[in-house]
Amino acid sequence: IDAAIAKTAEFFEAMGIKTKLADYGLGKEAIDAVVAQLEKHGMTAI
């Protein structure tokens, strides 16, 4: 399972698409903001 997940991320990276929040200049503050938005929009049991 670990290997399959790693292969998936490697494929995205090979396409030139970064897979980490930090790659887009985002940190822990983005996590709080996104979770708040999910709650705001009723996305609490998806």
ModelCIF file with pLDDT and N, C-alpha, C, O atoms, coordinates in Angstrom:
data_MODEL
#
_entry.id   MODEL 
#
_entity.id                         1 
_entity.type                       polymer 
_entity.pdbx_number_of_molecules   1 
#
_entity_poly.entity_id                      1 
_entity_poly.type                           'polypeptide(L)' 
_entity_poly.nstd_linkage                   no 
_entity_poly.nstd_monomer                   no 
_entity_poly.pdbx_seq_one_letter_code       IDAAIAKTAEFFEAMGIKTKLADYGLGKEAIDAVVAQLEKHGMTAI 
_entity_poly.pdbx_seq_one_letter_code_can   IDAAIAKTAEFFEAMGIKTKLADYGLGKEAIDAVVAQLEKHGMTAI 
_entity_poly.pdbx_strand_id                 A 
#
loop_
_entity_poly_seq.entity_id 
_entity_poly_seq.num 
_entity_poly_seq.mon_id 
_entity_poly_seq.hetero 
1 1  ILE n 
1 2  ASP n 
1 3  ALA n 
1 4  ALA n 
1 5  ILE n 
1 6  ALA n 
1 7  LYS n 
1 8  THR n 
1 9  ALA n 
1 10 GLU n 
1 11 PHE n 
1 12 PHE n 
1 13 GLU n 
1 14 ALA n 
1 15 MET n 
1 16 GLY n 
1 17 ILE n 
1 18 LYS n 
1 19 THR n 
1 20 LYS n 
1 21 LEU n 
1 22 ALA n 
1 23 ASP n 
1 24 TYR n 
1 25 GLY n 
1 26 LEU n 
1 27 GLY n 
1 28 LYS n 
1 29 GLU n 
1 30 ALA n 
1 31 ILE n 
1 32 ASP n 
1 33 ALA n 
1 34 VAL n 
1 35 VAL n 
1 36 ALA n 
1 37 GLN n 
1 38 LEU n 
1 39 GLU n 
1 40 LYS n 
1 41 HIS n 
1 42 GLY n 
1 43 MET n 
1 44 THR n 
1 45 ALA n 
1 46 ILE n 
#
_struct_asym.id          A 
_struct_asym.entity_id   1 
#
loop_
_ma_qa_metric.id 
_ma_qa_metric.mode 
_ma_qa_metric.name 
_ma_qa_metric.software_group_id 
_ma_qa_metric.type 
1 global pLDDT . pLDDT 
2 local  pLDDT . pLDDT 
#
_ma_qa_metric_global.metric_id      1 
_ma_qa_metric_global.metric_value   97.37 
_ma_qa_metric_global.model_id       1 
_ma_qa_metric_global.ordinal_id     1 
#
loop_
_ma_qa_metric_local.label_asym_id 
_ma_qa_metric_local.label_comp_id 
_ma_qa_metric_local.label_seq_id 
_ma_qa_metric_local.metric_id 
_ma_qa_metric_local.metric_value 
_ma_qa_metric_local.model_id 
_ma_qa_metric_local.ordinal_id 
A ILE 1  2 98.00 1 1  
A ASP 2  2 98.00 1 2  
A ALA 3  2 98.00 1 3  
A ALA 4  2 98.00 1 4  
A ILE 5  2 98.00 1 5  
A ALA 6  2 98.00 1 6  
A LYS 7  2 98.00 1 7  
A THR 8  2 98.00 1 8  
A ALA 9  2 98.00 1 9  
A GLU 10 2 98.00 1 10 
A PHE 11 2 98.00 1 11 
A PHE 12 2 98.00 1 12 
A GLU 13 2 98.00 1 13 
A ALA 14 2 98.00 1 14 
A MET 15 2 98.00 1 15 
A GLY 16 2 98.00 1 16 
A ILE 17 2 98.00 1 17 
A LYS 18 2 98.00 1 18 
A THR 19 2 98.00 1 19 
A LYS 20 2 98.00 1 20 
A LEU 21 2 98.00 1 21 
A ALA 22 2 97.00 1 22 
A ASP 23 2 97.00 1 23 
A TYR 24 2 98.00 1 24 
A GLY 25 2 97.00 1 25 
A LEU 26 2 98.00 1 26 
A GLY 27 2 97.00 1 27 
A LYS 28 2 96.00 1 28 
A GLU 29 2 97.00 1 29 
A ALA 30 2 97.00 1 30 
A ILE 31 2 98.00 1 31 
A ASP 32 2 97.00 1 32 
A ALA 33 2 97.00 1 33 
A VAL 34 2 98.00 1 34 
A VAL 35 2 98.00 1 35 
A ALA 36 2 97.00 1 36 
A GLN 37 2 96.00 1 37 
A LEU 38 2 97.00 1 38 
A GLU 39 2 97.00 1 39 
A LYS 40 2 95.00 1 40 
A HIS 41 2 94.00 1 41 
A GLY 42 2 94.00 1 42 
A MET 43 2 96.00 1 43 
A THR 44 2 97.00 1 44 
A ALA 45 2 98.00 1 45 
A ILE 46 2 98.00 1 46 
#
loop_
_atom_site.group_PDB 
_atom_site.id 
_atom_site.type_symbol 
_atom_site.label_atom_id 
_atom_site.label_alt_id 
_atom_site.label_comp_id 
_atom_site.label_asym_id 
_atom_site.label_entity_id 
_atom_site.label_seq_id 
_atom_site.pdbx_PDB_ins_code 
_atom_site.Cartn_x 
_atom_site.Cartn_y 
_atom_site.Cartn_z 
_atom_site.occupancy 
_atom_site.B_iso_or_equiv 
_atom_site.pdbx_formal_charge 
_atom_site.auth_seq_id 
_atom_site.auth_comp_id 
_atom_site.auth_asym_id 
_atom_site.auth_atom_id 
_atom_site.pdbx_PDB_model_num 
ATOM 1   N N  . ILE A 1 1  ? 0.838   -1.202 0.000   1.00 98.00 ? 1  ILE A N  1 
ATOM 2   C CA . ILE A 1 1  ? 0.000   0.000  0.000   1.00 98.00 ? 1  ILE A CA 1 
ATOM 3   C C  . ILE A 1 1  ? 0.874   1.253  0.000   1.00 98.00 ? 1  ILE A C  1 
ATOM 4   O O  . ILE A 1 1  ? 0.630   2.193  -0.757  1.00 98.00 ? 1  ILE A O  1 
ATOM 5   N N  . ASP A 1 2  ? 1.901   1.254  0.863   1.00 98.00 ? 2  ASP A N  1 
ATOM 6   C CA . ASP A 1 2  ? 2.835   2.386  0.885   1.00 98.00 ? 2  ASP A CA 1 
ATOM 7   C C  . ASP A 1 2  ? 3.448   2.624  -0.493  1.00 98.00 ? 2  ASP A C  1 
ATOM 8   O O  . ASP A 1 2  ? 3.552   3.761  -0.954  1.00 98.00 ? 2  ASP A O  1 
ATOM 9   N N  . ALA A 1 3  ? 3.844   1.547  -1.129  1.00 98.00 ? 3  ALA A N  1 
ATOM 10  C CA . ALA A 1 3  ? 4.486   1.664  -2.438  1.00 98.00 ? 3  ALA A CA 1 
ATOM 11  C C  . ALA A 1 3  ? 3.516   2.214  -3.489  1.00 98.00 ? 3  ALA A C  1 
ATOM 12  O O  . ALA A 1 3  ? 3.907   3.021  -4.333  1.00 98.00 ? 3  ALA A O  1 
ATOM 13  N N  . ALA A 1 4  ? 2.256   1.782  -3.440  1.00 98.00 ? 4  ALA A N  1 
ATOM 14  C CA . ALA A 1 4  ? 1.268   2.256  -4.412  1.00 98.00 ? 4  ALA A CA 1 
ATOM 15  C C  . ALA A 1 4  ? 0.988   3.744  -4.228  1.00 98.00 ? 4  ALA A C  1 
ATOM 16  O O  . ALA A 1 4  ? 0.868   4.484  -5.204  1.00 98.00 ? 4  ALA A O  1 
ATOM 17  N N  . ILE A 1 5  ? 0.886   4.176  -2.976  1.00 98.00 ? 5  ILE A N  1 
ATOM 18  C CA . ILE A 1 5  ? 0.657   5.601  -2.713  1.00 98.00 ? 5  ILE A CA 1 
ATOM 19  C C  . ILE A 1 5  ? 1.858   6.414  -3.173  1.00 98.00 ? 5  ILE A C  1 
ATOM 20  O O  . ILE A 1 5  ? 1.705   7.483  -3.765  1.00 98.00 ? 5  ILE A O  1 
ATOM 21  N N  . ALA A 1 6  ? 3.051   5.902  -2.898  1.00 98.00 ? 6  ALA A N  1 
ATOM 22  C CA . ALA A 1 6  ? 4.274   6.595  -3.331  1.00 98.00 ? 6  ALA A CA 1 
ATOM 23  C C  . ALA A 1 6  ? 4.338   6.677  -4.852  1.00 98.00 ? 6  ALA A C  1 
ATOM 24  O O  . ALA A 1 6  ? 4.706   7.716  -5.401  1.00 98.00 ? 6  ALA A O  1 
ATOM 25  N N  . LYS A 1 7  ? 3.985   5.592  -5.536  1.00 98.00 ? 7  LYS A N  1 
ATOM 26  C CA . LYS A 1 7  ? 3.996   5.591  -7.001  1.00 98.00 ? 7  LYS A CA 1 
ATOM 27  C C  . LYS A 1 7  ? 3.015   6.625  -7.562  1.00 98.00 ? 7  LYS A C  1 
ATOM 28  O O  . LYS A 1 7  ? 3.288   7.285  -8.565  1.00 98.00 ? 7  LYS A O  1 
ATOM 29  N N  . THR A 1 8  ? 1.879   6.748  -6.895  1.00 98.00 ? 8  THR A N  1 
ATOM 30  C CA . THR A 1 8  ? 0.878   7.721  -7.330  1.00 98.00 ? 8  THR A CA 1 
ATOM 31  C C  . THR A 1 8  ? 1.431   9.139  -7.242  1.00 98.00 ? 8  THR A C  1 
ATOM 32  O O  . THR A 1 8  ? 1.320   9.917  -8.190  1.00 98.00 ? 8  THR A O  1 
ATOM 33  N N  . ALA A 1 9  ? 2.028   9.468  -6.100  1.00 98.00 ? 9  ALA A N  1 
ATOM 34  C CA . ALA A 1 9  ? 2.607   10.802 -5.930  1.00 98.00 ? 9  ALA A CA 1 
ATOM 35  C C  . ALA A 1 9  ? 3.756   11.029 -6.914  1.00 98.00 ? 9  ALA A C  1 
ATOM 36  O O  . ALA A 1 9  ? 3.904   12.123 -7.459  1.00 98.00 ? 9  ALA A O  1 
ATOM 37  N N  . GLU A 1 10 ? 4.565   9.996  -7.136  1.00 98.00 ? 10 GLU A N  1 
ATOM 38  C CA . GLU A 1 10 ? 5.680   10.116 -8.089  1.00 98.00 ? 10 GLU A CA 1 
ATOM 39  C C  . GLU A 1 10 ? 5.171   10.379 -9.506  1.00 98.00 ? 10 GLU A C  1 
ATOM 40  O O  . GLU A 1 10 ? 5.788   11.131 -10.260 1.00 98.00 ? 10 GLU A O  1 
ATOM 41  N N  . PHE A 1 11 ? 4.056   9.764  -9.862  1.00 98.00 ? 11 PHE A N  1 
ATOM 42  C CA . PHE A 1 11 ? 3.475   9.996  -11.180 1.00 98.00 ? 11 PHE A CA 1 
ATOM 43  C C  . PHE A 1 11 ? 3.053   11.456 -11.333 1.00 98.00 ? 11 PHE A C  1 
ATOM 44  O O  . PHE A 1 11 ? 3.328   12.085 -12.355 1.00 98.00 ? 11 PHE A O  1 
ATOM 45  N N  . PHE A 1 12 ? 2.387   11.988 -10.314 1.00 98.00 ? 12 PHE A N  1 
ATOM 46  C CA . PHE A 1 12 ? 1.981   13.397 -10.368 1.00 98.00 ? 12 PHE A CA 1 
ATOM 47  C C  . PHE A 1 12 ? 3.210   14.299 -10.489 1.00 98.00 ? 12 PHE A C  1 
ATOM 48  O O  . PHE A 1 12 ? 3.226   15.237 -11.286 1.00 98.00 ? 12 PHE A O  1 
ATOM 49  N N  . GLU A 1 13 ? 4.226   14.007 -9.698  1.00 98.00 ? 13 GLU A N  1 
ATOM 50  C CA . GLU A 1 13 ? 5.454   14.808 -9.738  1.00 98.00 ? 13 GLU A CA 1 
ATOM 51  C C  . GLU A 1 13 ? 6.116   14.710 -11.122 1.00 98.00 ? 13 GLU A C  1 
ATOM 52  O O  . GLU A 1 13 ? 6.657   15.694 -11.626 1.00 98.00 ? 13 GLU A O  1 
ATOM 53  N N  . ALA A 1 14 ? 6.068   13.524 -11.724 1.00 98.00 ? 14 ALA A N  1 
ATOM 54  C CA . ALA A 1 14 ? 6.652   13.347 -13.056 1.00 98.00 ? 14 ALA A CA 1 
ATOM 55  C C  . ALA A 1 14 ? 5.907   14.158 -14.111 1.00 98.00 ? 14 ALA A C  1 
ATOM 56  O O  . ALA A 1 14 ? 6.465   14.504 -15.152 1.00 98.00 ? 14 ALA A O  1 
ATOM 57  N N  . MET A 1 15 ? 4.641   14.458 -13.831 1.00 98.00 ? 15 MET A N  1 
ATOM 58  C CA . MET A 1 15 ? 3.867   15.313 -14.724 1.00 98.00 ? 15 MET A CA 1 
ATOM 59  C C  . MET A 1 15 ? 4.116   16.793 -14.456 1.00 98.00 ? 15 MET A C  1 
ATOM 60  O O  . MET A 1 15 ? 3.508   17.658 -15.085 1.00 98.00 ? 15 MET A O  1 
ATOM 61  N N  . GLY A 1 16 ? 5.023   17.076 -13.507 1.00 98.00 ? 16 GLY A N  1 
ATOM 62  C CA . GLY A 1 16 ? 5.340   18.459 -13.188 1.00 98.00 ? 16 GLY A CA 1 
ATOM 63  C C  . GLY A 1 16 ? 4.386   19.086 -12.196 1.00 98.00 ? 16 GLY A C  1 
ATOM 64  O O  . GLY A 1 16 ? 4.325   20.311 -12.084 1.00 98.00 ? 16 GLY A O  1 
ATOM 65  N N  . ILE A 1 17 ? 3.639   18.265 -11.474 1.00 98.00 ? 17 ILE A N  1 
ATOM 66  C CA . ILE A 1 17 ? 2.643   18.762 -10.525 1.00 98.00 ? 17 ILE A CA 1 
ATOM 67  C C  . ILE A 1 17 ? 3.058   18.391 -9.109  1.00 98.00 ? 17 ILE A C  1 
ATOM 68  O O  . ILE A 1 17 ? 3.148   17.213 -8.761  1.00 98.00 ? 17 ILE A O  1 
ATOM 69  N N  . LYS A 1 18 ? 3.308   19.402 -8.308  1.00 98.00 ? 18 LYS A N  1 
ATOM 70  C CA . LYS A 1 18 ? 3.770   19.202 -6.938  1.00 98.00 ? 18 LYS A CA 1 
ATOM 71  C C  . LYS A 1 18 ? 2.642   18.696 -6.041  1.00 98.00 ? 18 LYS A C  1 
ATOM 72  O O  . LYS A 1 18 ? 1.466   18.965 -6.287  1.00 98.00 ? 18 LYS A O  1 
ATOM 73  N N  . THR A 1 19 ? 3.022   17.957 -4.997  1.00 98.00 ? 19 THR A N  1 
ATOM 74  C CA . THR A 1 19 ? 2.033   17.250 -4.188  1.00 98.00 ? 19 THR A CA 1 
ATOM 75  C C  . THR A 1 19 ? 2.015   17.653 -2.713  1.00 98.00 ? 19 THR A C  1 
ATOM 76  O O  . THR A 1 19 ? 1.379   16.987 -1.895  1.00 98.00 ? 19 THR A O  1 
ATOM 77  N N  . LYS A 1 20 ? 2.703   18.729 -2.375  1.00 98.00 ? 20 LYS A N  1 
ATOM 78  C CA . LYS A 1 20 ? 2.740   19.169 -0.985  1.00 98.00 ? 20 LYS A CA 1 
ATOM 79  C C  . LYS A 1 20 ? 2.247   20.613 -0.855  1.00 98.00 ? 20 LYS A C  1 
ATOM 80  O O  . LYS A 1 20 ? 2.474   21.439 -1.740  1.00 98.00 ? 20 LYS A O  1 
ATOM 81  N N  . LEU A 1 21 ? 1.580   20.899 0.243   1.00 98.00 ? 21 LEU A N  1 
ATOM 82  C CA . LEU A 1 21 ? 1.116   22.266 0.490   1.00 98.00 ? 21 LEU A CA 1 
ATOM 83  C C  . LEU A 1 21 ? 2.267   23.257 0.462   1.00 98.00 ? 21 LEU A C  1 
ATOM 84  O O  . LEU A 1 21 ? 2.131   24.368 -0.051  1.00 98.00 ? 21 LEU A O  1 
ATOM 85  N N  . ALA A 1 22 ? 3.391   22.853 1.012   1.00 97.00 ? 22 ALA A N  1 
ATOM 86  C CA . ALA A 1 22 ? 4.547   23.745 1.062   1.00 97.00 ? 22 ALA A CA 1 
ATOM 87  C C  . ALA A 1 22 ? 5.008   24.160 -0.324  1.00 97.00 ? 22 ALA A C  1 
ATOM 88  O O  . ALA A 1 22 ? 5.557   25.248 -0.494  1.00 97.00 ? 22 ALA A O  1 
ATOM 89  N N  . ASP A 1 23 ? 4.790   23.303 -1.319  1.00 97.00 ? 23 ASP A N  1 
ATOM 90  C CA . ASP A 1 23 ? 5.171   23.630 -2.693  1.00 97.00 ? 23 ASP A CA 1 
ATOM 91  C C  . ASP A 1 23 ? 4.385   24.822 -3.232  1.00 97.00 ? 23 ASP A C  1 
ATOM 92  O O  . ASP A 1 23 ? 4.794   25.462 -4.201  1.00 97.00 ? 23 ASP A O  1 
ATOM 93  N N  . TYR A 1 24 ? 3.260   25.110 -2.596  1.00 98.00 ? 24 TYR A N  1 
ATOM 94  C CA . TYR A 1 24 ? 2.406   26.220 -3.022  1.00 98.00 ? 24 TYR A CA 1 
ATOM 95  C C  . TYR A 1 24 ? 2.436   27.369 -2.009  1.00 98.00 ? 24 TYR A C  1 
ATOM 96  O O  . TYR A 1 24 ? 1.581   28.255 -2.025  1.00 98.00 ? 24 TYR A O  1 
ATOM 97  N N  . GLY A 1 25 ? 3.438   27.330 -1.133  1.00 97.00 ? 25 GLY A N  1 
ATOM 98  C CA . GLY A 1 25 ? 3.604   28.401 -0.152  1.00 97.00 ? 25 GLY A CA 1 
ATOM 99  C C  . GLY A 1 25 ? 2.609   28.364 0.982   1.00 97.00 ? 25 GLY A C  1 
ATOM 100 O O  . GLY A 1 25 ? 2.359   29.388 1.618   1.00 97.00 ? 25 GLY A O  1 
ATOM 101 N N  . LEU A 1 26 ? 2.030   27.191 1.253   1.00 98.00 ? 26 LEU A N  1 
ATOM 102 C CA . LEU A 1 26 ? 1.021   27.071 2.294   1.00 98.00 ? 26 LEU A CA 1 
ATOM 103 C C  . LEU A 1 26 ? 1.534   26.224 3.453   1.00 98.00 ? 26 LEU A C  1 
ATOM 104 O O  . LEU A 1 26 ? 2.331   25.304 3.271   1.00 98.00 ? 26 LEU A O  1 
ATOM 105 N N  . GLY A 1 27 ? 1.057   26.558 4.647   1.00 97.00 ? 27 GLY A N  1 
ATOM 106 C CA . GLY A 1 27 ? 1.442   25.819 5.846   1.00 97.00 ? 27 GLY A CA 1 
ATOM 107 C C  . GLY A 1 27 ? 0.224   25.441 6.669   1.00 97.00 ? 27 GLY A C  1 
ATOM 108 O O  . GLY A 1 27 ? -0.864  25.242 6.128   1.00 97.00 ? 27 GLY A O  1 
ATOM 109 N N  . LYS A 1 28 ? 0.410   25.344 7.981   1.00 96.00 ? 28 LYS A N  1 
ATOM 110 C CA . LYS A 1 28 ? -0.662  24.886 8.869   1.00 96.00 ? 28 LYS A CA 1 
ATOM 111 C C  . LYS A 1 28 ? -1.874  25.807 8.846   1.00 96.00 ? 28 LYS A C  1 
ATOM 112 O O  . LYS A 1 28 ? -2.998  25.361 9.078   1.00 96.00 ? 28 LYS A O  1 
ATOM 113 N N  . GLU A 1 29 ? -1.653  27.096 8.566   1.00 97.00 ? 29 GLU A N  1 
ATOM 114 C CA . GLU A 1 29 ? -2.777  28.031 8.546   1.00 97.00 ? 29 GLU A CA 1 
ATOM 115 C C  . GLU A 1 29 ? -3.801  27.650 7.474   1.00 97.00 ? 29 GLU A C  1 
ATOM 116 O O  . GLU A 1 29 ? -4.996  27.895 7.636   1.00 97.00 ? 29 GLU A O  1 
ATOM 117 N N  . ALA A 1 30 ? -3.328  27.055 6.389   1.00 97.00 ? 30 ALA A N  1 
ATOM 118 C CA . ALA A 1 30 ? -4.236  26.641 5.320   1.00 97.00 ? 30 ALA A CA 1 
ATOM 119 C C  . ALA A 1 30 ? -5.123  25.484 5.767   1.00 97.00 ? 30 ALA A C  1 
ATOM 120 O O  . ALA A 1 30 ? -6.271  25.369 5.339   1.00 97.00 ? 30 ALA A O  1 
ATOM 121 N N  . ILE A 1 31 ? -4.586  24.635 6.623   1.00 98.00 ? 31 ILE A N  1 
ATOM 122 C CA . ILE A 1 31 ? -5.364  23.499 7.106   1.00 98.00 ? 31 ILE A CA 1 
ATOM 123 C C  . ILE A 1 31 ? -6.568  23.985 7.895   1.00 98.00 ? 31 ILE A C  1 
ATOM 124 O O  . ILE A 1 31 ? -7.688  23.520 7.683   1.00 98.00 ? 31 ILE A O  1 
ATOM 125 N N  . ASP A 1 32 ? -6.334  24.923 8.804   1.00 97.00 ? 32 ASP A N  1 
ATOM 126 C CA . ASP A 1 32 ? -7.435  25.485 9.593   1.00 97.00 ? 32 ASP A CA 1 
ATOM 127 C C  . ASP A 1 32 ? -8.477  26.133 8.687   1.00 97.00 ? 32 ASP A C  1 
ATOM 128 O O  . ASP A 1 32 ? -9.679  25.976 8.899   1.00 97.00 ? 32 ASP A O  1 
ATOM 129 N N  . ALA A 1 33 ? -8.009  26.860 7.678   1.00 97.00 ? 33 ALA A N  1 
ATOM 130 C CA . ALA A 1 33 ? -8.921  27.566 6.784   1.00 97.00 ? 33 ALA A CA 1 
ATOM 131 C C  . ALA A 1 33 ? -9.765  26.594 5.964   1.00 97.00 ? 33 ALA A C  1 
ATOM 132 O O  . ALA A 1 33 ? -10.967 26.800 5.801   1.00 97.00 ? 33 ALA A O  1 
ATOM 133 N N  . VAL A 1 34 ? -9.145  25.544 5.453   1.00 98.00 ? 34 VAL A N  1 
ATOM 134 C CA . VAL A 1 34 ? -9.880  24.577 4.636   1.00 98.00 ? 34 VAL A CA 1 
ATOM 135 C C  . VAL A 1 34 ? -10.893 23.819 5.480   1.00 98.00 ? 34 VAL A C  1 
ATOM 136 O O  . VAL A 1 34 ? -12.033 23.631 5.055   1.00 98.00 ? 34 VAL A O  1 
ATOM 137 N N  . VAL A 1 35 ? -10.496 23.383 6.662   1.00 98.00 ? 35 VAL A N  1 
ATOM 138 C CA . VAL A 1 35 ? -11.414 22.655 7.539   1.00 98.00 ? 35 VAL A CA 1 
ATOM 139 C C  . VAL A 1 35 ? -12.605 23.541 7.909   1.00 98.00 ? 35 VAL A C  1 
ATOM 140 O O  . VAL A 1 35 ? -13.742 23.070 7.953   1.00 98.00 ? 35 VAL A O  1 
ATOM 141 N N  . ALA A 1 36 ? -12.346 24.813 8.173   1.00 97.00 ? 36 ALA A N  1 
ATOM 142 C CA . ALA A 1 36 ? -13.437 25.744 8.489   1.00 97.00 ? 36 ALA A CA 1 
ATOM 143 C C  . ALA A 1 36 ? -14.400 25.871 7.317   1.00 97.00 ? 36 ALA A C  1 
ATOM 144 O O  . ALA A 1 36 ? -15.614 25.947 7.510   1.00 97.00 ? 36 ALA A O  1 
ATOM 145 N N  . GLN A 1 37 ? -13.859 25.895 6.100   1.00 96.00 ? 37 GLN A N  1 
ATOM 146 C CA . GLN A 1 37 ? -14.710 25.988 4.915   1.00 96.00 ? 37 GLN A CA 1 
ATOM 147 C C  . GLN A 1 37 ? -15.556 24.722 4.727   1.00 96.00 ? 37 GLN A C  1 
ATOM 148 O O  . GLN A 1 37 ? -16.730 24.804 4.367   1.00 96.00 ? 37 GLN A O  1 
ATOM 149 N N  . LEU A 1 38 ? -14.954 23.557 4.970   1.00 97.00 ? 38 LEU A N  1 
ATOM 150 C CA . LEU A 1 38 ? -15.709 22.311 4.869   1.00 97.00 ? 38 LEU A CA 1 
ATOM 151 C C  . LEU A 1 38 ? -16.883 22.321 5.845   1.00 97.00 ? 38 LEU A C  1 
ATOM 152 O O  . LEU A 1 38 ? -17.996 21.926 5.497   1.00 97.00 ? 38 LEU A O  1 
ATOM 153 N N  . GLU A 1 39 ? -16.624 22.772 7.052   1.00 97.00 ? 39 GLU A N  1 
ATOM 154 C CA . GLU A 1 39 ? -17.695 22.839 8.057   1.00 97.00 ? 39 GLU A CA 1 
ATOM 155 C C  . GLU A 1 39 ? -18.763 23.845 7.643   1.00 97.00 ? 39 GLU A C  1 
ATOM 156 O O  . GLU A 1 39 ? -19.958 23.593 7.803   1.00 97.00 ? 39 GLU A O  1 
ATOM 157 N N  . LYS A 1 40 ? -18.329 24.979 7.114   1.00 95.00 ? 40 LYS A N  1 
ATOM 158 C CA . LYS A 1 40 ? -19.254 26.027 6.668   1.00 95.00 ? 40 LYS A CA 1 
ATOM 159 C C  . LYS A 1 40 ? -20.192 25.516 5.586   1.00 95.00 ? 40 LYS A C  1 
ATOM 160 O O  . LYS A 1 40 ? -21.368 25.877 5.548   1.00 95.00 ? 40 LYS A O  1 
ATOM 161 N N  . HIS A 1 41 ? -19.664 24.674 4.708   1.00 94.00 ? 41 HIS A N  1 
ATOM 162 C CA . HIS A 1 41 ? -20.459 24.176 3.589   1.00 94.00 ? 41 HIS A CA 1 
ATOM 163 C C  . HIS A 1 41 ? -21.136 22.835 3.879   1.00 94.00 ? 41 HIS A C  1 
ATOM 164 O O  . HIS A 1 41 ? -21.671 22.196 2.973   1.00 94.00 ? 41 HIS A O  1 
ATOM 165 N N  . GLY A 1 42 ? -21.109 22.412 5.151   1.00 94.00 ? 42 GLY A N  1 
ATOM 166 C CA . GLY A 1 42 ? -21.803 21.195 5.538   1.00 94.00 ? 42 GLY A CA 1 
ATOM 167 C C  . GLY A 1 42 ? -21.123 19.915 5.106   1.00 94.00 ? 42 GLY A C  1 
ATOM 168 O O  . GLY A 1 42 ? -21.743 18.852 5.093   1.00 94.00 ? 42 GLY A O  1 
ATOM 169 N N  . MET A 1 43 ? -19.823 20.010 4.745   1.00 96.00 ? 43 MET A N  1 
ATOM 170 C CA . MET A 1 43 ? -19.076 18.836 4.297   1.00 96.00 ? 43 MET A CA 1 
ATOM 171 C C  . MET A 1 43 ? -18.434 18.147 5.499   1.00 96.00 ? 43 MET A C  1 
ATOM 172 O O  . MET A 1 43 ? -17.209 18.089 5.614   1.00 96.00 ? 43 MET A O  1 
ATOM 173 N N  . THR A 1 44 ? -19.267 17.631 6.384   1.00 97.00 ? 44 THR A N  1 
ATOM 174 C CA . THR A 1 44 ? -18.768 17.078 7.638   1.00 97.00 ? 44 THR A CA 1 
ATOM 175 C C  . THR A 1 44 ? -18.879 15.560 7.712   1.00 97.00 ? 44 THR A C  1 
ATOM 176 O O  . THR A 1 44 ? -18.442 14.955 8.691   1.00 97.00 ? 44 THR A O  1 
ATOM 177 N N  . ALA A 1 45 ? -19.458 14.940 6.689   1.00 98.00 ? 45 ALA A N  1 
ATOM 178 C CA . ALA A 1 45 ? -19.595 13.485 6.664   1.00 98.00 ? 45 ALA A CA 1 
ATOM 179 C C  . ALA A 1 45 ? -19.516 13.040 5.206   1.00 98.00 ? 45 ALA A C  1 
ATOM 180 O O  . ALA A 1 45 ? -20.522 12.654 4.611   1.00 98.00 ? 45 ALA A O  1 
ATOM 181 N N  . ILE A 1 46 ? -18.314 13.097 4.640   1.00 98.00 ? 46 ILE A N  1 
ATOM 182 C CA . ILE A 1 46 ? -18.146 12.847 3.210   1.00 98.00 ? 46 ILE A CA 1 
ATOM 183 C C  . ILE A 1 46 ? -17.396 11.528 2.981   1.00 98.00 ? 46 ILE A C  1 
ATOM 184 O O  . ILE A 1 46 ? -17.157 11.144 1.836   1.00 98.00 ? 46 ILE A O  1 
#
